[in-house]
Amino acid sequence: MKITVNDVEYDKETFTEEQNAMFSNIVTNRNAIALVSHQLECINAVGNNLVAQLEASVKEAEASDSAE
């Protein structure tokens, strides 16, 4: 199995046990980064939604107050 790390191709079949463990940790690390990045995008979306809700609520209250 060929893999590419930092633009260099390696034959994973020739890896030692230690190299396979390092490669496994790299894969786990990159998967964790992808997951955390997705979670951060979701958290930012929720935060943006809350800000929009607050702004709409304030504008609604101001419009209601000026109509009275």
N, C-alpha and C. Protein backbone atom coordinates (compact mmCIF):
# COMPACT_ATOMS: atom_id res chain seq x y z
N MET A 1 0.85 -1.17 0.00
CA MET A 1 0.00 0.00 0.00
C MET A 1 0.90 1.24 0.00
N LYS A 2 0.67 2.12 -0.95
CA LYS A 2 1.43 3.37 -1.04
C LYS A 2 0.67 4.47 -0.30
N ILE A 3 1.42 5.28 0.44
CA ILE A 3 0.84 6.43 1.12
C ILE A 3 1.70 7.65 0.82
N THR A 4 1.11 8.82 0.92
CA THR A 4 1.84 10.06 0.69
C THR A 4 1.79 10.90 1.96
N VAL A 5 2.96 11.30 2.41
CA VAL A 5 3.09 12.15 3.59
C VAL A 5 3.99 13.31 3.20
N ASN A 6 3.47 14.53 3.32
CA ASN A 6 4.23 15.73 2.95
C ASN A 6 4.80 15.62 1.54
N ASP A 7 3.96 15.19 0.62
CA ASP A 7 4.30 15.09 -0.81
C ASP A 7 5.37 14.04 -1.12
N VAL A 8 5.63 13.14 -0.18
CA VAL A 8 6.58 12.05 -0.41
C VAL A 8 5.80 10.74 -0.33
N GLU A 9 5.99 9.88 -1.35
CA GLU A 9 5.29 8.61 -1.37
C GLU A 9 6.12 7.54 -0.67
N TYR A 10 5.44 6.75 0.17
CA TYR A 10 6.08 5.67 0.91
C TYR A 10 5.33 4.38 0.65
N ASP A 11 6.06 3.26 0.75
CA ASP A 11 5.43 1.95 0.68
C ASP A 11 5.19 1.50 2.11
N LYS A 12 3.93 1.56 2.53
CA LYS A 12 3.58 1.23 3.92
C LYS A 12 3.93 -0.21 4.27
N GLU A 13 3.99 -1.07 3.26
CA GLU A 13 4.31 -2.49 3.51
C GLU A 13 5.72 -2.66 4.08
N THR A 14 6.58 -1.67 3.87
CA THR A 14 7.96 -1.79 4.37
C THR A 14 8.14 -1.13 5.73
N PHE A 15 7.08 -0.54 6.29
CA PHE A 15 7.18 0.13 7.58
C PHE A 15 7.46 -0.87 8.69
N THR A 16 8.22 -0.41 9.67
CA THR A 16 8.42 -1.20 10.89
C THR A 16 7.18 -1.06 11.76
N GLU A 17 7.12 -1.83 12.81
CA GLU A 17 6.00 -1.74 13.74
C GLU A 17 5.90 -0.32 14.33
N GLU A 18 7.05 0.26 14.66
CA GLU A 18 7.06 1.61 15.21
C GLU A 18 6.58 2.63 14.18
N GLN A 19 6.99 2.49 12.94
CA GLN A 19 6.55 3.40 11.88
C GLN A 19 5.05 3.25 11.63
N ASN A 20 4.54 2.02 11.68
CA ASN A 20 3.09 1.81 11.53
C ASN A 20 2.33 2.48 12.67
N ALA A 21 2.87 2.41 13.88
CA ALA A 21 2.23 3.07 15.02
C ALA A 21 2.24 4.58 14.83
N MET A 22 3.35 5.13 14.34
CA MET A 22 3.42 6.57 14.08
C MET A 22 2.41 6.97 13.02
N PHE A 23 2.33 6.18 11.96
CA PHE A 23 1.39 6.47 10.88
C PHE A 23 -0.05 6.41 11.41
N SER A 24 -0.34 5.43 12.22
CA SER A 24 -1.67 5.31 12.81
C SER A 24 -2.00 6.54 13.66
N ASN A 25 -1.02 7.02 14.41
CA ASN A 25 -1.22 8.23 15.22
C ASN A 25 -1.45 9.46 14.35
N ILE A 26 -0.75 9.52 13.21
CA ILE A 26 -0.95 10.63 12.28
C ILE A 26 -2.37 10.62 11.74
N VAL A 27 -2.86 9.45 11.36
CA VAL A 27 -4.22 9.32 10.85
C VAL A 27 -5.23 9.71 11.92
N THR A 28 -5.03 9.23 13.14
CA THR A 28 -5.92 9.58 14.25
C THR A 28 -5.90 11.08 14.49
N ASN A 29 -4.72 11.68 14.47
CA ASN A 29 -4.57 13.11 14.68
C ASN A 29 -5.32 13.90 13.61
N ARG A 30 -5.16 13.52 12.35
CA ARG A 30 -5.83 14.25 11.27
C ARG A 30 -7.34 14.07 11.31
N ASN A 31 -7.78 12.89 11.72
CA ASN A 31 -9.23 12.68 11.88
C ASN A 31 -9.78 13.55 13.01
N ALA A 32 -9.01 13.65 14.10
CA ALA A 32 -9.43 14.48 15.24
C ALA A 32 -9.50 15.95 14.82
N ILE A 33 -8.52 16.39 14.03
CA ILE A 33 -8.52 17.77 13.55
C ILE A 33 -9.76 18.04 12.71
N ALA A 34 -10.09 17.11 11.82
CA ALA A 34 -11.28 17.27 10.97
C ALA A 34 -12.54 17.34 11.82
N LEU A 35 -12.64 16.46 12.83
CA LEU A 35 -13.82 16.45 13.69
C LEU A 35 -13.94 17.74 14.48
N VAL A 36 -12.85 18.18 15.07
CA VAL A 36 -12.88 19.41 15.87
C VAL A 36 -13.17 20.62 14.99
N SER A 37 -12.63 20.63 13.78
CA SER A 37 -12.93 21.73 12.85
C SER A 37 -14.41 21.77 12.53
N HIS A 38 -15.00 20.61 12.30
CA HIS A 38 -16.44 20.54 12.03
C HIS A 38 -17.24 21.03 13.25
N GLN A 39 -16.84 20.59 14.42
CA GLN A 39 -17.52 21.02 15.63
C GLN A 39 -17.42 22.54 15.80
N LEU A 40 -16.26 23.11 15.51
CA LEU A 40 -16.08 24.55 15.62
C LEU A 40 -16.98 25.28 14.63
N GLU A 41 -17.09 24.76 13.41
CA GLU A 41 -18.00 25.36 12.43
C GLU A 41 -19.44 25.34 12.94
N CYS A 42 -19.84 24.24 13.55
CA CYS A 42 -21.20 24.13 14.10
C CYS A 42 -21.41 25.12 15.25
N ILE A 43 -20.43 25.21 16.13
CA ILE A 43 -20.52 26.14 17.26
C ILE A 43 -20.61 27.57 16.76
N ASN A 44 -19.80 27.91 15.75
CA ASN A 44 -19.86 29.27 15.18
C ASN A 44 -21.22 29.53 14.56
N ALA A 45 -21.79 28.55 13.88
CA ALA A 45 -23.11 28.72 13.27
C ALA A 45 -24.17 28.98 14.33
N VAL A 46 -24.12 28.22 15.42
CA VAL A 46 -25.07 28.43 16.51
C VAL A 46 -24.88 29.82 17.11
N GLY A 47 -23.64 30.23 17.32
CA GLY A 47 -23.37 31.56 17.87
C GLY A 47 -23.89 32.66 16.95
N ASN A 48 -23.66 32.51 15.65
CA ASN A 48 -24.16 33.50 14.69
C ASN A 48 -25.68 33.55 14.70
N ASN A 49 -26.31 32.39 14.83
CA ASN A 49 -27.77 32.33 14.89
C ASN A 49 -28.28 33.04 16.14
N LEU A 50 -27.63 32.84 17.26
CA LEU A 50 -28.04 33.50 18.51
C LEU A 50 -27.90 35.02 18.40
N VAL A 51 -26.81 35.47 17.78
CA VAL A 51 -26.62 36.91 17.58
C VAL A 51 -27.75 37.47 16.70
N ALA A 52 -28.08 36.76 15.63
CA ALA A 52 -29.16 37.21 14.74
C ALA A 52 -30.49 37.25 15.47
N GLN A 53 -30.75 36.24 16.33
CA GLN A 53 -31.99 36.23 17.10
C GLN A 53 -32.04 37.41 18.06
N LEU A 54 -30.91 37.71 18.71
CA LEU A 54 -30.87 38.83 19.65
C LEU A 54 -31.11 40.14 18.90
N GLU A 55 -30.45 40.32 17.77
CA GLU A 55 -30.63 41.55 17.00
C GLU A 55 -32.09 41.71 16.56
N ALA A 56 -32.70 40.63 16.11
CA ALA A 56 -34.10 40.69 15.68
C ALA A 56 -35.00 41.02 16.86
N SER A 57 -34.72 40.44 18.01
CA SER A 57 -35.52 40.69 19.20
C SER A 57 -35.42 42.14 19.64
N VAL A 58 -34.20 42.68 19.62
CA VAL A 58 -34.00 44.07 20.02
C VAL A 58 -34.71 45.01 19.04
N LYS A 59 -34.59 44.75 17.75
CA LYS A 59 -35.26 45.59 16.75
C LYS A 59 -36.77 45.52 16.92
N GLU A 60 -37.28 44.34 17.20
CA GLU A 60 -38.73 44.16 17.41
C GLU A 60 -39.18 44.95 18.64
N ALA A 61 -38.40 44.88 19.72
CA ALA A 61 -38.75 45.62 20.94
C ALA A 61 -38.68 47.11 20.70
N GLU A 62 -37.70 47.57 19.96
CA GLU A 62 -37.58 49.01 19.66
C GLU A 62 -38.75 49.48 18.81
N ALA A 63 -39.13 48.67 17.82
CA ALA A 63 -40.27 49.02 16.95
C ALA A 63 -41.55 49.05 17.76
N SER A 64 -41.69 48.13 18.68
CA SER A 64 -42.87 48.07 19.53
C SER A 64 -42.93 49.28 20.45
N ASP A 65 -41.78 49.67 21.00
CA ASP A 65 -41.72 50.82 21.89
C ASP A 65 -42.02 52.12 21.15
N SER A 66 -41.54 52.25 19.93
CA SER A 66 -41.77 53.49 19.19
C SER A 66 -43.20 53.56 18.65
N ALA A 67 -43.85 52.44 18.54
CA ALA A 67 -45.24 52.44 18.07
C ALA A 67 -46.20 52.83 19.18
N GLU A 68 -45.77 52.76 20.40
CA GLU A 68 -46.67 53.05 21.53
C GLU A 68 -46.79 54.50 21.82
